[in-house]
């Protein structure tokens, strides 16, 4: 077990606030190995001065069944995130959190994947079907059960969607069920709706702590928006953007700068809200766009959030 993996695992299991991760989608599977290496090297260079706890690598689904509207950007298969992390991103010397769309696995193929490198600490987030219409070979509860049975060194988390709580008012129940099934942390989709997020945290806190349990880390995802098309794509992905905030972005002189300001403000508000209740809030940052400007803005946002977290955590330690 490497020192970085050990430290990150301790942060998760000790339920520490302030975890910071950065997420990225692997390159297209159609790229040549040379092109993939070129893309990876650019990503390594961008991340080398960012003090992260872990790097997230997404397992992208087409999600065609989820919405009726045409996808703003075409879906193109990507290389396996675990392969990308292990083969191309070794220079990023932080633990890799591998997203895994378990519905694509059979029970046997998932079991084989779980048992890979059993002696090493590994981290994953398991993702279920993108909609009730999607056919799956393996469901989330069975994936959780197999993980616990077959590899104690694989620390896994789940996805939480605060916006879903607005419609169904049961997202906190889903989170508790996932914790009971072994999830040690959660990552949200991109966060622009602070009220939905606080409603979920509040319901989760009172539901969970009234039963005498401790909360697990929840990492709120931030994703800068630099163009009207990126905004359209975010809405297609199901990201909830309140009307007032959408107007702030659409009618600003610099949509990217405005989204960065709003994103950091939202995270700081959620982090403070979590501190009041003893909820270990962390942050995950990504760029949903592949444009250089938006990617570099997301890197700068990661550095700014890190500076905020360091200051807050130092203040907590000195009390």
C-alpha atoms as a PDB file:
ATOM      1  CA  UNK A   1       0.000   0.000   0.000  1.00  0.00           C
ATOM      2  CA  UNK A   2       1.428   3.377  -1.037  1.00  0.00           C
ATOM      3  CA  UNK A   3       1.623   6.295   1.389  1.00  0.00           C
ATOM      4  CA  UNK A   4      -0.766   8.430  -0.701  1.00  0.00           C
ATOM      5  CA  UNK A   5      -3.358   5.653  -0.872  1.00  0.00           C
ATOM      6  CA  UNK A   6      -3.038   5.011   2.865  1.00  0.00           C
ATOM      7  CA  UNK A   7      -3.476   8.703   3.727  1.00  0.00           C
ATOM      8  CA  UNK A   8      -6.488   9.080   1.442  1.00  0.00           C
ATOM      9  CA  UNK A   9      -8.126   5.967   2.849  1.00  0.00           C
ATOM     10  CA  UNK A  10      -7.600   7.261   6.386  1.00  0.00           C
ATOM     11  CA  UNK A  11      -9.239  10.573   5.447  1.00  0.00           C
ATOM     12  CA  UNK A  12     -12.279   8.750   4.104  1.00  0.00           C
ATOM     13  CA  UNK A  13     -12.659   6.264   6.928  1.00  0.00           C
ATOM     14  CA  UNK A  14     -11.999   8.851   9.656  1.00  0.00           C
ATOM     15  CA  UNK A  15     -14.710  11.001   8.055  1.00  0.00           C
ATOM     16  CA  UNK A  16     -12.533  14.084   7.671  1.00  0.00           C
ATOM     17  CA  UNK A  17     -13.855  17.246   5.985  1.00  0.00           C
ATOM     18  CA  UNK A  18     -11.907  18.990   3.243  1.00  0.00           C
ATOM     19  CA  UNK A  19     -11.114  16.161   0.802  1.00  0.00           C
ATOM     20  CA  UNK A  20     -10.281  17.589  -2.637  1.00  0.00           C
ATOM     21  CA  UNK A  21     -10.397  15.597  -5.876  1.00  0.00           C
ATOM     22  CA  UNK A  22     -10.263  16.388  -9.574  1.00  0.00           C
ATOM     23  CA  UNK A  23     -12.266  14.460 -12.165  1.00  0.00           C
ATOM     24  CA  UNK A  24     -11.636  13.800 -15.839  1.00  0.00           C
ATOM     25  CA  UNK A  25     -12.984  11.687 -18.669  1.00  0.00           C
ATOM     26  CA  UNK A  26     -10.482   9.377 -20.414  1.00  0.00           C
ATOM     27  CA  UNK A  27      -9.708  10.065 -24.098  1.00  0.00           C
ATOM     28  CA  UNK A  28     -11.753   8.591 -26.930  1.00  0.00           C
ATOM     29  CA  UNK A  29     -11.192   4.911 -27.595  1.00  0.00           C
ATOM     30  CA  UNK A  30     -10.726   5.707 -31.297  1.00  0.00           C
ATOM     31  CA  UNK A  31      -7.534   7.691 -30.629  1.00  0.00           C
ATOM     32  CA  UNK A  32      -4.169   6.158 -31.441  1.00  0.00           C
ATOM     33  CA  UNK A  33      -1.886   5.233 -28.510  1.00  0.00           C
ATOM     34  CA  UNK A  34       0.337   8.181 -29.483  1.00  0.00           C
ATOM     35  CA  UNK A  35      -2.584  10.609 -29.318  1.00  0.00           C
ATOM     36  CA  UNK A  36      -3.708   9.204 -25.957  1.00  0.00           C
ATOM     37  CA  UNK A  37      -0.176   9.645 -24.593  1.00  0.00           C
ATOM     38  CA  UNK A  38      -0.125  13.231 -25.859  1.00  0.00           C
ATOM     39  CA  UNK A  39      -3.455  14.025 -24.152  1.00  0.00           C
ATOM     40  CA  UNK A  40      -2.327  12.330 -20.942  1.00  0.00           C
ATOM     41  CA  UNK A  41       0.907  14.298 -20.827  1.00  0.00           C
ATOM     42  CA  UNK A  42      -1.003  17.576 -21.085  1.00  0.00           C
ATOM     43  CA  UNK A  43      -3.216  16.480 -18.207  1.00  0.00           C
ATOM     44  CA  UNK A  44      -0.199  15.463 -16.133  1.00  0.00           C
ATOM     45  CA  UNK A  45       1.383  18.885 -16.715  1.00  0.00           C
ATOM     46  CA  UNK A  46      -1.793  20.718 -15.703  1.00  0.00           C
ATOM     47  CA  UNK A  47      -2.181  18.725 -12.500  1.00  0.00           C
ATOM     48  CA  UNK A  48       1.419  18.665 -11.292  1.00  0.00           C
ATOM     49  CA  UNK A  49       1.055  21.803  -9.154  1.00  0.00           C
ATOM     50  CA  UNK A  50      -2.401  21.019  -7.795  1.00  0.00           C
ATOM     51  CA  UNK A  51      -2.430  19.535  -4.299  1.00  0.00           C
ATOM     52  CA  UNK A  52      -5.109  16.846  -4.662  1.00  0.00           C
ATOM     53  CA  UNK A  53      -6.150  13.978  -2.424  1.00  0.00           C
ATOM     54  CA  UNK A  54      -7.210  11.844  -5.397  1.00  0.00           C
ATOM     55  CA  UNK A  55      -7.930  11.861  -9.113  1.00  0.00           C
ATOM     56  CA  UNK A  56     -11.331  10.720 -10.413  1.00  0.00           C
ATOM     57  CA  UNK A  57     -11.580   8.912 -13.752  1.00  0.00           C
ATOM     58  CA  UNK A  58     -15.089   8.627 -15.182  1.00  0.00           C
ATOM     59  CA  UNK A  59     -16.722   5.666 -16.884  1.00  0.00           C
ATOM     60  CA  UNK A  60     -18.958   7.452 -19.387  1.00  0.00           C
ATOM     61  CA  UNK A  61     -22.350   6.092 -20.447  1.00  0.00           C
ATOM     62  CA  UNK A  62     -24.257   7.162 -23.554  1.00  0.00           C
ATOM     63  CA  UNK A  63     -27.420   7.896 -21.514  1.00  0.00           C
ATOM     64  CA  UNK A  64     -29.588   8.029 -24.649  1.00  0.00           C
ATOM     65  CA  UNK A  65     -32.571   6.573 -22.769  1.00  0.00           C
ATOM     66  CA  UNK A  66     -32.450   9.248 -20.049  1.00  0.00           C
ATOM     67  CA  UNK A  67     -33.754  12.270 -21.987  1.00  0.00           C
ATOM     68  CA  UNK A  68     -35.665  12.958 -25.185  1.00  0.00           C
ATOM     69  CA  UNK A  69     -33.532  15.938 -26.271  1.00  0.00           C
ATOM     70  CA  UNK A  70     -30.594  15.489 -28.611  1.00  0.00           C
ATOM     71  CA  UNK A  71     -27.205  15.383 -26.925  1.00  0.00           C
ATOM     72  CA  UNK A  72     -25.386  18.737 -27.498  1.00  0.00           C
ATOM     73  CA  UNK A  73     -22.074  16.910 -27.897  1.00  0.00           C
ATOM     74  CA  UNK A  74     -21.953  13.490 -29.609  1.00  0.00           C
ATOM     75  CA  UNK A  75     -21.313  10.449 -27.420  1.00  0.00           C
ATOM     76  CA  UNK A  76     -18.032   8.735 -28.244  1.00  0.00           C
ATOM     77  CA  UNK A  77     -16.745   5.674 -26.346  1.00  0.00           C
ATOM     78  CA  UNK A  78     -13.676   6.270 -24.191  1.00  0.00           C
ATOM     79  CA  UNK A  79     -10.888   3.980 -23.089  1.00  0.00           C
ATOM     80  CA  UNK A  80     -11.315   2.102 -19.826  1.00  0.00           C
ATOM     81  CA  UNK A  81     -10.700   4.530 -16.921  1.00  0.00           C
ATOM     82  CA  UNK A  82      -8.720   1.967 -14.911  1.00  0.00           C
ATOM     83  CA  UNK A  83      -6.445   1.302 -17.891  1.00  0.00           C
ATOM     84  CA  UNK A  84      -6.028   5.023 -18.516  1.00  0.00           C
ATOM     85  CA  UNK A  85      -5.087   5.707 -14.910  1.00  0.00           C
ATOM     86  CA  UNK A  86      -2.670   2.809 -14.626  1.00  0.00           C
ATOM     87  CA  UNK A  87      -0.996   3.051 -18.028  1.00  0.00           C
ATOM     88  CA  UNK A  88      -1.008   6.772 -18.849  1.00  0.00           C
ATOM     89  CA  UNK A  89      -1.341   8.745 -15.607  1.00  0.00           C
ATOM     90  CA  UNK A  90       1.242   7.133 -13.332  1.00  0.00           C
ATOM     91  CA  UNK A  91       3.015  10.490 -13.021  1.00  0.00           C
ATOM     92  CA  UNK A  92      -0.024  11.885 -11.204  1.00  0.00           C
ATOM     93  CA  UNK A  93       1.030  10.372  -7.898  1.00  0.00           C
ATOM     94  CA  UNK A  94      -2.285  10.405  -6.077  1.00  0.00           C
ATOM     95  CA  UNK A  95      -4.860   7.632  -5.652  1.00  0.00           C
ATOM     96  CA  UNK A  96      -7.211   7.100  -8.581  1.00  0.00           C
ATOM     97  CA  UNK A  97     -10.958   6.806  -7.972  1.00  0.00           C
ATOM     98  CA  UNK A  98     -12.371   4.731 -10.808  1.00  0.00           C
ATOM     99  CA  UNK A  99     -16.024   5.195 -11.723  1.00  0.00           C
ATOM    100  CA  UNK A 100     -17.639   1.907 -12.698  1.00  0.00           C
ATOM    101  CA  UNK A 101     -20.984   1.636 -14.522  1.00  0.00           C
ATOM    102  CA  UNK A 102     -21.918  -1.703 -12.996  1.00  0.00           C
ATOM    103  CA  UNK A 103     -24.939  -2.266 -15.242  1.00  0.00           C
ATOM    104  CA  UNK A 104     -22.552  -3.081 -18.090  1.00  0.00           C
ATOM    105  CA  UNK A 105     -21.018  -5.960 -16.090  1.00  0.00           C
ATOM    106  CA  UNK A 106     -22.134  -9.497 -15.581  1.00  0.00           C
ATOM    107  CA  UNK A 107     -21.761 -10.856 -12.072  1.00  0.00           C
ATOM    108  CA  UNK A 108     -18.661 -12.789 -13.135  1.00  0.00           C
ATOM    109  CA  UNK A 109     -16.961  -9.933 -14.997  1.00  0.00           C
ATOM    110  CA  UNK A 110     -17.570  -7.574 -12.073  1.00  0.00           C
ATOM    111  CA  UNK A 111     -16.213 -10.134  -9.598  1.00  0.00           C
ATOM    112  CA  UNK A 112     -13.078 -10.515 -11.734  1.00  0.00           C
ATOM    113  CA  UNK A 113     -12.602  -6.736 -11.793  1.00  0.00           C
ATOM    114  CA  UNK A 114     -13.054  -6.470  -8.014  1.00  0.00           C
ATOM    115  CA  UNK A 115     -10.435  -9.136  -7.355  1.00  0.00           C
ATOM    116  CA  UNK A 116      -7.789  -7.415  -9.495  1.00  0.00           C
ATOM    117  CA  UNK A 117      -4.795  -6.359  -7.377  1.00  0.00           C
ATOM    118  CA  UNK A 118      -6.406  -7.610  -4.158  1.00  0.00           C
ATOM    119  CA  UNK A 119      -3.355  -6.680  -2.085  1.00  0.00           C
ATOM    120  CA  UNK A 120      -3.448  -3.027  -3.199  1.00  0.00           C
ATOM    121  CA  UNK A 121      -5.676  -0.250  -1.892  1.00  0.00           C
ATOM    122  CA  UNK A 122      -8.144   0.726  -4.614  1.00  0.00           C
ATOM    123  CA  UNK A 123     -10.976   3.239  -4.796  1.00  0.00           C
ATOM    124  CA  UNK A 124     -14.106   3.291  -6.881  1.00  0.00           C
ATOM    125  CA  UNK A 125     -17.524   4.868  -7.275  1.00  0.00           C
ATOM    126  CA  UNK A 126     -20.253   2.541  -8.476  1.00  0.00           C
ATOM    127  CA  UNK A 127     -22.825   3.980 -10.853  1.00  0.00           C
ATOM    128  CA  UNK A 128     -26.188   2.411 -11.612  1.00  0.00           C
ATOM    129  CA  UNK A 129     -28.483   2.747 -14.618  1.00  0.00           C
ATOM    130  CA  UNK A 130     -28.885   6.250 -16.051  1.00  0.00           C
ATOM    131  CA  UNK A 131     -32.651   5.687 -16.278  1.00  0.00           C
ATOM    132  CA  UNK A 132     -35.299   3.069 -15.490  1.00  0.00           C
ATOM    133  CA  UNK A 133     -35.451   2.307 -19.232  1.00  0.00           C
ATOM    134  CA  UNK A 134     -31.838   1.127 -19.368  1.00  0.00           C
ATOM    135  CA  UNK A 135     -31.311  -2.625 -19.352  1.00  0.00           C
ATOM    136  CA  UNK A 136     -28.695  -3.740 -16.829  1.00  0.00           C
ATOM    137  CA  UNK A 137     -26.863  -6.997 -16.209  1.00  0.00           C
ATOM    138  CA  UNK A 138     -25.925  -6.186 -12.602  1.00  0.00           C
ATOM    139  CA  UNK A 139     -27.683  -3.863 -10.143  1.00  0.00           C
ATOM    140  CA  UNK A 140     -26.086  -1.661  -7.493  1.00  0.00           C
ATOM    141  CA  UNK A 141     -27.078  -3.664  -4.381  1.00  0.00           C
ATOM    142  CA  UNK A 142     -25.486  -6.794  -5.860  1.00  0.00           C
ATOM    143  CA  UNK A 143     -22.362  -4.792  -6.802  1.00  0.00           C
ATOM    144  CA  UNK A 144     -22.049  -3.534  -3.217  1.00  0.00           C
ATOM    145  CA  UNK A 145     -22.492  -7.038  -1.839  1.00  0.00           C
ATOM    146  CA  UNK A 146     -19.877  -8.542  -4.150  1.00  0.00           C
ATOM    147  CA  UNK A 147     -17.394  -5.800  -3.275  1.00  0.00           C
ATOM    148  CA  UNK A 148     -17.677  -6.415   0.444  1.00  0.00           C
ATOM    149  CA  UNK A 149     -17.395 -10.171  -0.022  1.00  0.00           C
ATOM    150  CA  UNK A 150     -14.469 -10.265  -2.438  1.00  0.00           C
ATOM    151  CA  UNK A 151     -12.074  -7.378  -1.718  1.00  0.00           C
ATOM    152  CA  UNK A 152     -11.732  -5.528   1.581  1.00  0.00           C
ATOM    153  CA  UNK A 153      -9.006  -3.313   0.074  1.00  0.00           C
ATOM    154  CA  UNK A 154     -11.415  -1.768  -2.436  1.00  0.00           C
ATOM    155  CA  UNK A 155     -12.986   1.306  -0.805  1.00  0.00           C
ATOM    156  CA  UNK A 156     -16.111   2.247  -2.725  1.00  0.00           C
ATOM    157  CA  UNK A 157     -18.465   5.174  -2.799  1.00  0.00           C
ATOM    158  CA  UNK A 158     -21.695   6.208  -4.454  1.00  0.00           C
ATOM    159  CA  UNK A 159     -23.341   8.993  -6.401  1.00  0.00           C
ATOM    160  CA  UNK A 160     -25.725  11.423  -4.724  1.00  0.00           C
ATOM    161  CA  UNK A 161     -28.012  13.807  -6.637  1.00  0.00           C
ATOM    162  CA  UNK A 162     -29.324  16.685  -4.506  1.00  0.00           C
ATOM    163  CA  UNK A 163     -31.584  17.874  -7.336  1.00  0.00           C
ATOM    164  CA  UNK A 164     -33.440  14.556  -7.293  1.00  0.00           C
ATOM    165  CA  UNK A 165     -34.360  15.373  -3.700  1.00  0.00           C
ATOM    166  CA  UNK A 166     -36.478  18.318  -4.918  1.00  0.00           C
ATOM    167  CA  UNK A 167     -38.831  16.031  -6.846  1.00  0.00           C
ATOM    168  CA  UNK A 168     -38.843  12.847  -4.775  1.00  0.00           C
ATOM    169  CA  UNK A 169     -37.762  14.042  -1.318  1.00  0.00           C
ATOM    170  CA  UNK A 170     -36.119  10.687  -0.647  1.00  0.00           C
ATOM    171  CA  UNK A 171     -32.486  11.163  -1.685  1.00  0.00           C
ATOM    172  CA  UNK A 172     -31.421  11.075   1.976  1.00  0.00           C
ATOM    173  CA  UNK A 173     -33.027   7.622   2.261  1.00  0.00           C
ATOM    174  CA  UNK A 174     -31.088   6.451  -0.804  1.00  0.00           C
ATOM    175  CA  UNK A 175     -27.853   7.731   0.752  1.00  0.00           C
ATOM    176  CA  UNK A 176     -28.503   5.929   4.040  1.00  0.00           C
ATOM    177  CA  UNK A 177     -29.282   2.685   2.197  1.00  0.00           C
ATOM    178  CA  UNK A 178     -26.029   3.001   0.252  1.00  0.00           C
ATOM    179  CA  UNK A 179     -24.061   3.664   3.449  1.00  0.00           C
ATOM    180  CA  UNK A 180     -25.639   0.583   5.015  1.00  0.00           C
ATOM    181  CA  UNK A 181     -24.546  -1.362   1.923  1.00  0.00           C
ATOM    182  CA  UNK A 182     -20.922  -0.284   2.380  1.00  0.00           C
ATOM    183  CA  UNK A 183     -20.492   3.103   0.659  1.00  0.00           C
ATOM    184  CA  UNK A 184     -17.816   5.087   2.509  1.00  0.00           C
ATOM    185  CA  UNK A 185     -18.161   8.388   0.640  1.00  0.00           C
ATOM    186  CA  UNK A 186     -20.323  10.155  -1.948  1.00  0.00           C
ATOM    187  CA  UNK A 187     -19.778  12.443  -4.910  1.00  0.00           C
ATOM    188  CA  UNK A 188     -22.496  14.674  -6.325  1.00  0.00           C
ATOM    189  CA  UNK A 189     -23.066  15.720  -9.893  1.00  0.00           C
ATOM    190  CA  UNK A 190     -22.096  19.306 -10.737  1.00  0.00           C
ATOM    191  CA  UNK A 191     -23.543  21.653  -8.110  1.00  0.00           C
ATOM    192  CA  UNK A 192     -25.231  24.922  -8.982  1.00  0.00           C
ATOM    193  CA  UNK A 193     -28.357  24.571  -6.861  1.00  0.00           C
ATOM    194  CA  UNK A 194     -27.301  25.451  -3.311  1.00  0.00           C
ATOM    195  CA  UNK A 195     -30.829  25.244  -1.890  1.00  0.00           C
ATOM    196  CA  UNK A 196     -31.352  21.682  -3.141  1.00  0.00           C
ATOM    197  CA  UNK A 197     -27.974  20.704  -1.693  1.00  0.00           C
ATOM    198  CA  UNK A 198     -28.697  22.237   1.719  1.00  0.00           C
ATOM    199  CA  UNK A 199     -32.146  20.647   1.835  1.00  0.00           C
ATOM    200  CA  UNK A 200     -30.591  17.249   1.229  1.00  0.00           C
ATOM    201  CA  UNK A 201     -27.832  17.778   3.800  1.00  0.00           C
ATOM    202  CA  UNK A 202     -30.333  18.919   6.407  1.00  0.00           C
ATOM    203  CA  UNK A 203     -32.686  15.980   5.879  1.00  0.00           C
ATOM    204  CA  UNK A 204     -29.782  13.569   5.791  1.00  0.00           C
ATOM    205  CA  UNK A 205     -28.263  14.997   8.960  1.00  0.00           C
ATOM    206  CA  UNK A 206     -31.419  14.824  11.058  1.00  0.00           C
ATOM    207  CA  UNK A 207     -32.480  11.452   9.692  1.00  0.00           C
ATOM    208  CA  UNK A 208     -29.060   9.884  10.182  1.00  0.00           C
ATOM    209  CA  UNK A 209     -27.861  11.406  13.431  1.00  0.00           C
ATOM    210  CA  UNK A 210     -31.202  10.793  15.152  1.00  0.00           C
ATOM    211  CA  UNK A 211     -30.352   7.112  14.688  1.00  0.00           C
ATOM    212  CA  UNK A 212     -26.946   7.589  16.319  1.00  0.00           C
ATOM    213  CA  UNK A 213     -24.759   7.206  13.219  1.00  0.00           C
ATOM    214  CA  UNK A 214     -21.912   9.344  11.884  1.00  0.00           C
ATOM    215  CA  UNK A 215     -22.029  10.995   8.495  1.00  0.00           C
ATOM    216  CA  UNK A 216     -19.600   9.961   5.749  1.00  0.00           C
ATOM    217  CA  UNK A 217     -17.759  12.417   3.452  1.00  0.00           C
ATOM    218  CA  UNK A 218     -19.833  14.056   0.725  1.00  0.00           C
ATOM    219  CA  UNK A 219     -17.850  15.667  -2.095  1.00  0.00           C
ATOM    220  CA  UNK A 220     -19.722  18.398  -3.949  1.00  0.00           C
ATOM    221  CA  UNK A 221     -18.775  18.587  -7.603  1.00  0.00           C
ATOM    222  CA  UNK A 222     -17.944  21.938  -9.198  1.00  0.00           C
ATOM    223  CA  UNK A 223     -17.728  22.398 -12.968  1.00  0.00           C
ATOM    224  CA  UNK A 224     -17.028  25.766 -14.610  1.00  0.00           C
ATOM    225  CA  UNK A 225     -19.251  26.822 -17.500  1.00  0.00           C
ATOM    226  CA  UNK A 226     -17.547  28.888 -20.199  1.00  0.00           C
ATOM    227  CA  UNK A 227     -19.998  29.029 -23.089  1.00  0.00           C
ATOM    228  CA  UNK A 228     -23.708  28.888 -23.882  1.00  0.00           C
ATOM    229  CA  UNK A 229     -23.158  25.431 -25.414  1.00  0.00           C
ATOM    230  CA  UNK A 230     -21.517  24.144 -22.228  1.00  0.00           C
ATOM    231  CA  UNK A 231     -24.508  25.502 -20.307  1.00  0.00           C
ATOM    232  CA  UNK A 232     -26.828  23.648 -22.675  1.00  0.00           C
ATOM    233  CA  UNK A 233     -24.826  20.438 -22.190  1.00  0.00           C
ATOM    234  CA  UNK A 234     -24.952  20.775 -18.406  1.00  0.00           C
ATOM    235  CA  UNK A 235     -28.740  21.076 -18.541  1.00  0.00           C
ATOM    236  CA  UNK A 236     -28.872  18.024 -20.835  1.00  0.00           C
ATOM    237  CA  UNK A 237     -26.855  16.108 -18.237  1.00  0.00           C
ATOM    238  CA  UNK A 238     -29.565  16.890 -15.687  1.00  0.00           C
ATOM    239  CA  UNK A 239     -27.598  19.501 -13.737  1.00  0.00           C
ATOM    240  CA  UNK A 240     -30.055  21.772 -11.940  1.00  0.00           C
ATOM    241  CA  UNK A 241     -29.316  25.432 -12.636  1.00  0.00           C
ATOM    242  CA  UNK A 242     -31.766  27.859 -10.956  1.00  0.00           C
ATOM    243  CA  UNK A 243     -33.271  30.486 -13.235  1.00  0.00           C
ATOM    244  CA  UNK A 244     -31.576  33.420 -11.518  1.00  0.00           C
ATOM    245  CA  UNK A 245     -28.186  31.749 -11.762  1.00  0.00           C
ATOM    246  CA  UNK A 246     -28.681  30.857 -15.425  1.00  0.00           C
ATOM    247  CA  UNK A 247     -29.456  34.518 -16.121  1.00  0.00           C
ATOM    248  CA  UNK A 248     -26.302  35.566 -14.239  1.00  0.00           C
ATOM    249  CA  UNK A 249     -24.281  33.335 -16.539  1.00  0.00           C
ATOM    250  CA  UNK A 250     -26.044  34.065 -19.841  1.00  0.00           C
ATOM    251  CA  UNK A 251     -25.983  37.825 -19.456  1.00  0.00           C
ATOM    252  CA  UNK A 252     -22.547  38.255 -17.891  1.00  0.00           C
ATOM    253  CA  UNK A 253     -19.692  39.832 -19.818  1.00  0.00           C
ATOM    254  CA  UNK A 254     -17.516  36.816 -18.960  1.00  0.00           C
ATOM    255  CA  UNK A 255     -19.581  33.651 -18.442  1.00  0.00           C
ATOM    256  CA  UNK A 256     -16.555  31.564 -17.427  1.00  0.00           C
ATOM    257  CA  UNK A 257     -15.329  33.979 -14.790  1.00  0.00           C
ATOM    258  CA  UNK A 258     -18.855  34.380 -13.447  1.00  0.00           C
ATOM    259  CA  UNK A 259     -19.379  30.618 -13.174  1.00  0.00           C
ATOM    260  CA  UNK A 260     -16.085  30.227 -11.271  1.00  0.00           C
ATOM    261  CA  UNK A 261     -17.073  32.954  -8.815  1.00  0.00           C
ATOM    262  CA  UNK A 262     -20.520  31.425  -8.281  1.00  0.00           C
ATOM    263  CA  UNK A 263     -19.180  27.870  -7.984  1.00  0.00           C
ATOM    264  CA  UNK A 264     -16.658  28.763  -5.301  1.00  0.00           C
ATOM    265  CA  UNK A 265     -19.241  30.795  -3.395  1.00  0.00           C
ATOM    266  CA  UNK A 266     -21.675  27.863  -3.505  1.00  0.00           C
ATOM    267  CA  UNK A 267     -19.046  25.430  -2.239  1.00  0.00           C
ATOM    268  CA  UNK A 268     -17.942  27.727   0.578  1.00  0.00           C
ATOM    269  CA  UNK A 269     -21.562  28.088   1.695  1.00  0.00           C
ATOM    270  CA  UNK A 270     -22.082  24.316   1.663  1.00  0.00           C
ATOM    271  CA  UNK A 271     -18.800  23.684   3.478  1.00  0.00           C
ATOM    272  CA  UNK A 272     -19.752  26.129   6.255  1.00  0.00           C
ATOM    273  CA  UNK A 273     -23.200  24.539   6.470  1.00  0.00           C
ATOM    274  CA  UNK A 274     -21.564  21.132   6.841  1.00  0.00           C
ATOM    275  CA  UNK A 275     -19.179  22.355   9.542  1.00  0.00           C
ATOM    276  CA  UNK A 276     -22.097  23.568  11.663  1.00  0.00           C
ATOM    277  CA  UNK A 277     -23.583  20.081  11.616  1.00  0.00           C
ATOM    278  CA  UNK A 278     -20.419  18.020  11.668  1.00  0.00           C
ATOM    279  CA  UNK A 279     -20.959  16.832   8.096  1.00  0.00           C
ATOM    280  CA  UNK A 280     -17.584  16.106   6.404  1.00  0.00           C
ATOM    281  CA  UNK A 281     -17.931  18.120   3.188  1.00  0.00           C
ATOM    282  CA  UNK A 282     -15.317  17.878   0.451  1.00  0.00           C
ATOM    283  CA  UNK A 283     -14.994  19.042  -3.133  1.00  0.00           C
ATOM    284  CA  UNK A 284     -14.575  17.421  -6.531  1.00  0.00           C
ATOM    285  CA  UNK A 285     -13.790  19.598  -9.545  1.00  0.00           C
ATOM    286  CA  UNK A 286     -14.007  18.835 -13.247  1.00  0.00           C
ATOM    287  CA  UNK A 287     -14.518  20.409 -16.652  1.00  0.00           C
ATOM    288  CA  UNK A 288     -17.455  18.995 -18.608  1.00  0.00           C
ATOM    289  CA  UNK A 289     -16.019  20.766 -21.655  1.00  0.00           C
ATOM    290  CA  UNK A 290     -12.894  19.750 -23.570  1.00  0.00           C
ATOM    291  CA  UNK A 291     -11.943  23.329 -24.467  1.00  0.00           C
ATOM    292  CA  UNK A 292      -8.537  24.446 -23.208  1.00  0.00           C
ATOM    293  CA  UNK A 293      -9.953  27.600 -21.607  1.00  0.00           C
ATOM    294  CA  UNK A 294     -12.555  25.751 -19.525  1.00  0.00           C
ATOM    295  CA  UNK A 295     -10.150  22.975 -18.516  1.00  0.00           C
ATOM    296  CA  UNK A 296      -7.561  25.491 -17.326  1.00  0.00           C
ATOM    297  CA  UNK A 297     -10.289  27.398 -15.472  1.00  0.00           C
ATOM    298  CA  UNK A 298     -11.223  24.193 -13.638  1.00  0.00           C
ATOM    299  CA  UNK A 299      -7.578  23.707 -12.632  1.00  0.00           C
ATOM    300  CA  UNK A 300      -7.439  27.248 -11.252  1.00  0.00           C
ATOM    301  CA  UNK A 301     -10.708  26.639  -9.402  1.00  0.00           C
ATOM    302  CA  UNK A 302      -9.142  23.545  -7.803  1.00  0.00           C
ATOM    303  CA  UNK A 303      -6.228  25.651  -6.573  1.00  0.00           C
ATOM    304  CA  UNK A 304      -8.582  28.332  -5.216  1.00  0.00           C
ATOM    305  CA  UNK A 305     -10.738  25.782  -3.407  1.00  0.00           C
ATOM    306  CA  UNK A 306      -7.610  24.148  -1.970  1.00  0.00           C
ATOM    307  CA  UNK A 307      -6.484  27.514  -0.574  1.00  0.00           C
ATOM    308  CA  UNK A 308      -9.909  27.997   1.024  1.00  0.00           C
ATOM    309  CA  UNK A 309      -9.898  24.496   2.537  1.00  0.00           C
ATOM    310  CA  UNK A 310      -6.378  24.843   3.912  1.00  0.00           C
ATOM    311  CA  UNK A 311      -7.314  28.093   5.616  1.00  0.00           C
ATOM    312  CA  UNK A 312     -10.512  26.668   7.112  1.00  0.00           C
ATOM    313  CA  UNK A 313      -8.922  23.434   8.294  1.00  0.00           C
ATOM    314  CA  UNK A 314      -5.984  25.291   9.851  1.00  0.00           C
ATOM    315  CA  UNK A 315      -8.473  27.486  11.708  1.00  0.00           C
ATOM    316  CA  UNK A 316     -10.294  24.379  12.990  1.00  0.00           C
ATOM    317  CA  UNK A 317      -7.052  22.789  14.202  1.00  0.00           C
ATOM    318  CA  UNK A 318      -6.080  25.903  16.137  1.00  0.00           C
ATOM    319  CA  UNK A 319      -9.323  26.024  18.123  1.00  0.00           C
END
